[in-house]
């Protein structure tokens, strides 16, 4: 094994790269088959399946339902393909899944992720604006706004402004997580 390892990978010591490359090849094959079969009729009866499957009955989709569902042609986009090939958590913790199952899950997960991130950034911007408005309104007054902006936008002030924004961003995300936990516990 050591001779094969050094012959193909040199002496880099990255043994797991072989299995990573094999997984990428398997994913390419999965994409190719799913792309080839995308317009062929499936003999899978989703309605019958949902009556028997306890996961699908609960409103979630099981792996078989994701695998057998028909994907629209726009799901076979280059960006989705690259995400499927390069999505690191699947290398580390699995599972091995087909392109159709990945694309079906990725769309809803990505939509939720993007919405959360946009909401967190918007929350951080809102909190920063409220903080500046309170400083102007209650501490430095309207005449001090130029000084405040110059201070924040100076070489020494930008890291402070960045740290405040990151703190507000993290705080906003934390508030979202707390709210979700409350909703789940009810």
C-alpha atoms as a PDB file:
ATOM      1  CA  UNK A   1       0.000   0.000   0.000  1.00  0.00           C
ATOM      2  CA  UNK A   2       2.834   2.358   0.792  1.00  0.00           C
ATOM      3  CA  UNK A   3       4.298   1.911  -2.715  1.00  0.00           C
ATOM      4  CA  UNK A   4       0.952   2.719  -4.330  1.00  0.00           C
ATOM      5  CA  UNK A   5       0.544   5.676  -2.007  1.00  0.00           C
ATOM      6  CA  UNK A   6       3.944   7.190  -2.808  1.00  0.00           C
ATOM      7  CA  UNK A   7       3.666   6.364  -6.519  1.00  0.00           C
ATOM      8  CA  UNK A   8       0.394   8.262  -7.017  1.00  0.00           C
ATOM      9  CA  UNK A   9       0.515  10.866  -4.287  1.00  0.00           C
ATOM     10  CA  UNK A  10       4.202  11.421  -3.767  1.00  0.00           C
ATOM     11  CA  UNK A  11       5.410  11.801  -0.216  1.00  0.00           C
ATOM     12  CA  UNK A  12       2.751  14.304   0.791  1.00  0.00           C
ATOM     13  CA  UNK A  13       1.325  11.988   3.458  1.00  0.00           C
ATOM     14  CA  UNK A  14      -2.281  12.755   2.496  1.00  0.00           C
ATOM     15  CA  UNK A  15      -3.635   9.196   2.421  1.00  0.00           C
ATOM     16  CA  UNK A  16      -7.285  10.183   2.638  1.00  0.00           C
ATOM     17  CA  UNK A  17      -7.016  12.012  -0.681  1.00  0.00           C
ATOM     18  CA  UNK A  18      -7.444   8.694  -2.520  1.00  0.00           C
ATOM     19  CA  UNK A  19     -10.820   8.032  -0.924  1.00  0.00           C
ATOM     20  CA  UNK A  20     -11.802  11.657  -1.464  1.00  0.00           C
ATOM     21  CA  UNK A  21     -11.017  11.367  -5.167  1.00  0.00           C
ATOM     22  CA  UNK A  22     -12.999   8.135  -5.392  1.00  0.00           C
ATOM     23  CA  UNK A  23     -15.987   9.819  -3.780  1.00  0.00           C
ATOM     24  CA  UNK A  24     -15.786  12.643  -6.311  1.00  0.00           C
ATOM     25  CA  UNK A  25     -15.722  10.117  -9.149  1.00  0.00           C
ATOM     26  CA  UNK A  26     -18.722   8.282  -7.666  1.00  0.00           C
ATOM     27  CA  UNK A  27     -20.560  11.590  -7.394  1.00  0.00           C
ATOM     28  CA  UNK A  28     -19.765  12.377 -11.021  1.00  0.00           C
ATOM     29  CA  UNK A  29     -21.209   9.004 -12.011  1.00  0.00           C
ATOM     30  CA  UNK A  30     -24.300   9.611  -9.859  1.00  0.00           C
ATOM     31  CA  UNK A  31     -24.831  12.991 -11.507  1.00  0.00           C
ATOM     32  CA  UNK A  32     -24.395  11.445 -14.944  1.00  0.00           C
ATOM     33  CA  UNK A  33     -26.972   8.723 -14.290  1.00  0.00           C
ATOM     34  CA  UNK A  34     -29.460  11.120 -12.701  1.00  0.00           C
ATOM     35  CA  UNK A  35     -29.004  13.527 -15.600  1.00  0.00           C
ATOM     36  CA  UNK A  36     -29.480  10.706 -18.106  1.00  0.00           C
ATOM     37  CA  UNK A  37     -32.630   9.400 -16.368  1.00  0.00           C
ATOM     38  CA  UNK A  38     -34.150  12.818 -15.675  1.00  0.00           C
ATOM     39  CA  UNK A  39     -36.746  12.635 -18.448  1.00  0.00           C
ATOM     40  CA  UNK A  40     -37.563   8.949 -18.194  1.00  0.00           C
ATOM     41  CA  UNK A  41     -40.743   7.839 -16.487  1.00  0.00           C
ATOM     42  CA  UNK A  42     -40.310   6.511 -13.002  1.00  0.00           C
ATOM     43  CA  UNK A  43     -42.357   3.544 -11.882  1.00  0.00           C
ATOM     44  CA  UNK A  44     -42.206   4.851  -8.326  1.00  0.00           C
ATOM     45  CA  UNK A  45     -45.638   5.521  -6.813  1.00  0.00           C
ATOM     46  CA  UNK A  46     -45.063   8.448  -4.447  1.00  0.00           C
ATOM     47  CA  UNK A  47     -48.614   8.414  -3.113  1.00  0.00           C
ATOM     48  CA  UNK A  48     -48.445   4.718  -2.242  1.00  0.00           C
ATOM     49  CA  UNK A  49     -44.996   5.188  -0.722  1.00  0.00           C
ATOM     50  CA  UNK A  50     -46.124   8.088   1.494  1.00  0.00           C
ATOM     51  CA  UNK A  51     -48.906   5.933   2.933  1.00  0.00           C
ATOM     52  CA  UNK A  52     -46.399   3.263   4.026  1.00  0.00           C
ATOM     53  CA  UNK A  53     -43.360   5.338   5.025  1.00  0.00           C
ATOM     54  CA  UNK A  54     -43.386   6.694   8.583  1.00  0.00           C
ATOM     55  CA  UNK A  55     -40.883   9.455   7.697  1.00  0.00           C
ATOM     56  CA  UNK A  56     -42.959  10.716   4.765  1.00  0.00           C
ATOM     57  CA  UNK A  57     -46.150  10.472   6.841  1.00  0.00           C
ATOM     58  CA  UNK A  58     -44.629  12.934   9.312  1.00  0.00           C
ATOM     59  CA  UNK A  59     -44.252  15.570   6.587  1.00  0.00           C
ATOM     60  CA  UNK A  60     -40.541  15.002   5.956  1.00  0.00           C
ATOM     61  CA  UNK A  61     -39.035  13.281   2.941  1.00  0.00           C
ATOM     62  CA  UNK A  62     -37.155  10.028   3.318  1.00  0.00           C
ATOM     63  CA  UNK A  63     -34.102   9.202   1.217  1.00  0.00           C
ATOM     64  CA  UNK A  64     -36.106   6.990  -1.143  1.00  0.00           C
ATOM     65  CA  UNK A  65     -38.637   9.760  -1.779  1.00  0.00           C
ATOM     66  CA  UNK A  66     -35.841  12.257  -2.471  1.00  0.00           C
ATOM     67  CA  UNK A  67     -34.065   9.798  -4.747  1.00  0.00           C
ATOM     68  CA  UNK A  68     -37.160   8.845  -6.724  1.00  0.00           C
ATOM     69  CA  UNK A  69     -38.720  12.297  -7.042  1.00  0.00           C
ATOM     70  CA  UNK A  70     -38.401  14.035 -10.394  1.00  0.00           C
ATOM     71  CA  UNK A  71     -36.031  16.988 -10.494  1.00  0.00           C
ATOM     72  CA  UNK A  72     -36.706  19.937 -12.749  1.00  0.00           C
ATOM     73  CA  UNK A  73     -34.071  20.603 -15.379  1.00  0.00           C
ATOM     74  CA  UNK A  74     -32.899  23.785 -13.632  1.00  0.00           C
ATOM     75  CA  UNK A  75     -31.733  21.657 -10.659  1.00  0.00           C
ATOM     76  CA  UNK A  76     -29.053  20.210 -12.928  1.00  0.00           C
ATOM     77  CA  UNK A  77     -27.236  23.543 -12.919  1.00  0.00           C
ATOM     78  CA  UNK A  78     -23.447  23.770 -12.922  1.00  0.00           C
ATOM     79  CA  UNK A  79     -23.398  25.436  -9.495  1.00  0.00           C
ATOM     80  CA  UNK A  80     -25.490  22.652  -7.931  1.00  0.00           C
ATOM     81  CA  UNK A  81     -23.199  20.095  -9.549  1.00  0.00           C
ATOM     82  CA  UNK A  82     -20.092  21.796  -8.119  1.00  0.00           C
ATOM     83  CA  UNK A  83     -21.701  22.038  -4.680  1.00  0.00           C
ATOM     84  CA  UNK A  84     -22.492  18.325  -4.856  1.00  0.00           C
ATOM     85  CA  UNK A  85     -18.920  17.451  -5.807  1.00  0.00           C
ATOM     86  CA  UNK A  86     -17.206  19.758  -3.315  1.00  0.00           C
ATOM     87  CA  UNK A  87     -19.526  19.792  -0.283  1.00  0.00           C
ATOM     88  CA  UNK A  88     -16.939  18.996   2.404  1.00  0.00           C
ATOM     89  CA  UNK A  89     -19.221  17.759   5.236  1.00  0.00           C
ATOM     90  CA  UNK A  90     -20.246  14.807   3.070  1.00  0.00           C
ATOM     91  CA  UNK A  91     -16.591  13.694   2.884  1.00  0.00           C
ATOM     92  CA  UNK A  92     -16.121  13.956   6.619  1.00  0.00           C
ATOM     93  CA  UNK A  93     -19.368  12.695   8.081  1.00  0.00           C
ATOM     94  CA  UNK A  94     -21.341  11.320   5.135  1.00  0.00           C
ATOM     95  CA  UNK A  95     -23.798  10.219   4.093  1.00  0.00           C
ATOM     96  CA  UNK A  96     -23.125   9.073   0.560  1.00  0.00           C
ATOM     97  CA  UNK A  97     -26.131  10.222  -1.406  1.00  0.00           C
ATOM     98  CA  UNK A  98     -27.206  10.571  -4.989  1.00  0.00           C
ATOM     99  CA  UNK A  99     -27.271  13.845  -6.869  1.00  0.00           C
ATOM    100  CA  UNK A 100     -31.073  13.897  -6.923  1.00  0.00           C
ATOM    101  CA  UNK A 101     -31.255  13.466  -3.145  1.00  0.00           C
ATOM    102  CA  UNK A 102     -28.602  16.148  -2.615  1.00  0.00           C
ATOM    103  CA  UNK A 103     -30.243  18.639  -4.990  1.00  0.00           C
ATOM    104  CA  UNK A 104     -33.679  18.070  -3.417  1.00  0.00           C
ATOM    105  CA  UNK A 105     -32.329  18.752   0.077  1.00  0.00           C
ATOM    106  CA  UNK A 106     -29.908  21.492  -0.901  1.00  0.00           C
ATOM    107  CA  UNK A 107     -32.545  23.800  -2.340  1.00  0.00           C
ATOM    108  CA  UNK A 108     -34.633  24.026   0.830  1.00  0.00           C
ATOM    109  CA  UNK A 109     -31.593  24.016   3.107  1.00  0.00           C
ATOM    110  CA  UNK A 110     -29.848  26.677   1.034  1.00  0.00           C
ATOM    111  CA  UNK A 111     -32.987  28.818   0.948  1.00  0.00           C
ATOM    112  CA  UNK A 112     -33.290  28.687   4.737  1.00  0.00           C
ATOM    113  CA  UNK A 113     -29.569  29.386   5.152  1.00  0.00           C
ATOM    114  CA  UNK A 114     -29.611  32.392   2.812  1.00  0.00           C
ATOM    115  CA  UNK A 115     -32.742  33.789   4.481  1.00  0.00           C
ATOM    116  CA  UNK A 116     -31.174  33.410   7.941  1.00  0.00           C
ATOM    117  CA  UNK A 117     -27.928  35.046   6.867  1.00  0.00           C
ATOM    118  CA  UNK A 118     -29.692  37.963   5.174  1.00  0.00           C
ATOM    119  CA  UNK A 119     -31.902  38.392   8.231  1.00  0.00           C
ATOM    120  CA  UNK A 120     -28.896  38.325  10.566  1.00  0.00           C
ATOM    121  CA  UNK A 121     -27.004  40.903   8.485  1.00  0.00           C
ATOM    122  CA  UNK A 122     -30.128  43.085   8.319  1.00  0.00           C
ATOM    123  CA  UNK A 123     -30.508  42.760  12.096  1.00  0.00           C
ATOM    124  CA  UNK A 124     -26.871  43.755  12.657  1.00  0.00           C
ATOM    125  CA  UNK A 125     -27.266  46.777  10.361  1.00  0.00           C
ATOM    126  CA  UNK A 126     -30.463  47.783  12.160  1.00  0.00           C
ATOM    127  CA  UNK A 127     -28.854  47.492  15.604  1.00  0.00           C
ATOM    128  CA  UNK A 128     -25.814  49.480  14.413  1.00  0.00           C
ATOM    129  CA  UNK A 129     -28.057  52.235  13.023  1.00  0.00           C
ATOM    130  CA  UNK A 130     -30.081  52.319  16.257  1.00  0.00           C
ATOM    131  CA  UNK A 131     -26.866  52.559  18.282  1.00  0.00           C
ATOM    132  CA  UNK A 132     -25.622  55.473  16.152  1.00  0.00           C
ATOM    133  CA  UNK A 133     -29.035  57.182  16.404  1.00  0.00           C
ATOM    134  CA  UNK A 134     -28.982  56.836  20.198  1.00  0.00           C
ATOM    135  CA  UNK A 135     -25.433  58.164  20.408  1.00  0.00           C
ATOM    136  CA  UNK A 136     -26.359  61.162  18.279  1.00  0.00           C
ATOM    137  CA  UNK A 137     -29.669  61.733  20.042  1.00  0.00           C
ATOM    138  CA  UNK A 138     -28.575  61.313  23.651  1.00  0.00           C
ATOM    139  CA  UNK A 139     -24.777  61.689  23.883  1.00  0.00           C
ATOM    140  CA  UNK A 140     -23.000  63.721  21.211  1.00  0.00           C
ATOM    141  CA  UNK A 141     -25.888  65.623  19.631  1.00  0.00           C
ATOM    142  CA  UNK A 142     -26.442  66.415  15.957  1.00  0.00           C
ATOM    143  CA  UNK A 143     -23.286  68.514  15.740  1.00  0.00           C
ATOM    144  CA  UNK A 144     -21.147  65.542  16.784  1.00  0.00           C
ATOM    145  CA  UNK A 145     -22.265  63.215  13.975  1.00  0.00           C
ATOM    146  CA  UNK A 146     -19.346  64.236  11.729  1.00  0.00           C
ATOM    147  CA  UNK A 147     -16.906  63.503  14.550  1.00  0.00           C
ATOM    148  CA  UNK A 148     -18.562  60.110  15.153  1.00  0.00           C
ATOM    149  CA  UNK A 149     -18.423  59.150  11.476  1.00  0.00           C
ATOM    150  CA  UNK A 150     -14.812  60.324  11.169  1.00  0.00           C
ATOM    151  CA  UNK A 151     -13.914  58.324  14.269  1.00  0.00           C
ATOM    152  CA  UNK A 152     -15.570  55.120  13.025  1.00  0.00           C
ATOM    153  CA  UNK A 153     -14.187  55.447   9.494  1.00  0.00           C
ATOM    154  CA  UNK A 154     -10.617  56.176  10.587  1.00  0.00           C
ATOM    155  CA  UNK A 155      -7.819  53.615  10.593  1.00  0.00           C
ATOM    156  CA  UNK A 156      -8.268  53.028  14.324  1.00  0.00           C
ATOM    157  CA  UNK A 157     -12.079  53.121  14.205  1.00  0.00           C
ATOM    158  CA  UNK A 158     -12.728  50.577  11.441  1.00  0.00           C
ATOM    159  CA  UNK A 159     -11.687  47.562  13.564  1.00  0.00           C
ATOM    160  CA  UNK A 160     -13.951  48.830  16.354  1.00  0.00           C
ATOM    161  CA  UNK A 161     -16.850  49.279  13.928  1.00  0.00           C
ATOM    162  CA  UNK A 162     -16.167  45.822  12.443  1.00  0.00           C
ATOM    163  CA  UNK A 163     -16.052  44.201  15.891  1.00  0.00           C
ATOM    164  CA  UNK A 164     -19.310  45.904  16.872  1.00  0.00           C
ATOM    165  CA  UNK A 165     -20.982  44.773  13.661  1.00  0.00           C
ATOM    166  CA  UNK A 166     -19.789  41.178  14.117  1.00  0.00           C
ATOM    167  CA  UNK A 167     -20.990  41.240  17.722  1.00  0.00           C
ATOM    168  CA  UNK A 168     -24.419  42.477  16.630  1.00  0.00           C
ATOM    169  CA  UNK A 169     -24.490  39.867  13.849  1.00  0.00           C
ATOM    170  CA  UNK A 170     -23.680  37.015  16.247  1.00  0.00           C
ATOM    171  CA  UNK A 171     -26.181  38.380  18.761  1.00  0.00           C
ATOM    172  CA  UNK A 172     -28.883  38.495  16.082  1.00  0.00           C
ATOM    173  CA  UNK A 173     -28.180  34.896  15.049  1.00  0.00           C
ATOM    174  CA  UNK A 174     -28.265  33.860  18.700  1.00  0.00           C
ATOM    175  CA  UNK A 175     -31.676  35.518  19.091  1.00  0.00           C
ATOM    176  CA  UNK A 176     -32.929  33.555  16.064  1.00  0.00           C
ATOM    177  CA  UNK A 177     -31.679  30.282  17.563  1.00  0.00           C
ATOM    178  CA  UNK A 178     -33.311  31.046  20.915  1.00  0.00           C
ATOM    179  CA  UNK A 179     -36.604  31.851  19.189  1.00  0.00           C
ATOM    180  CA  UNK A 180     -36.468  28.595  17.195  1.00  0.00           C
ATOM    181  CA  UNK A 181     -35.735  26.626  20.379  1.00  0.00           C
ATOM    182  CA  UNK A 182     -38.762  28.229  22.056  1.00  0.00           C
ATOM    183  CA  UNK A 183     -40.983  27.332  19.118  1.00  0.00           C
ATOM    184  CA  UNK A 184     -39.763  23.716  19.147  1.00  0.00           C
ATOM    185  CA  UNK A 185     -40.340  23.360  22.900  1.00  0.00           C
ATOM    186  CA  UNK A 186     -43.984  24.436  22.682  1.00  0.00           C
END
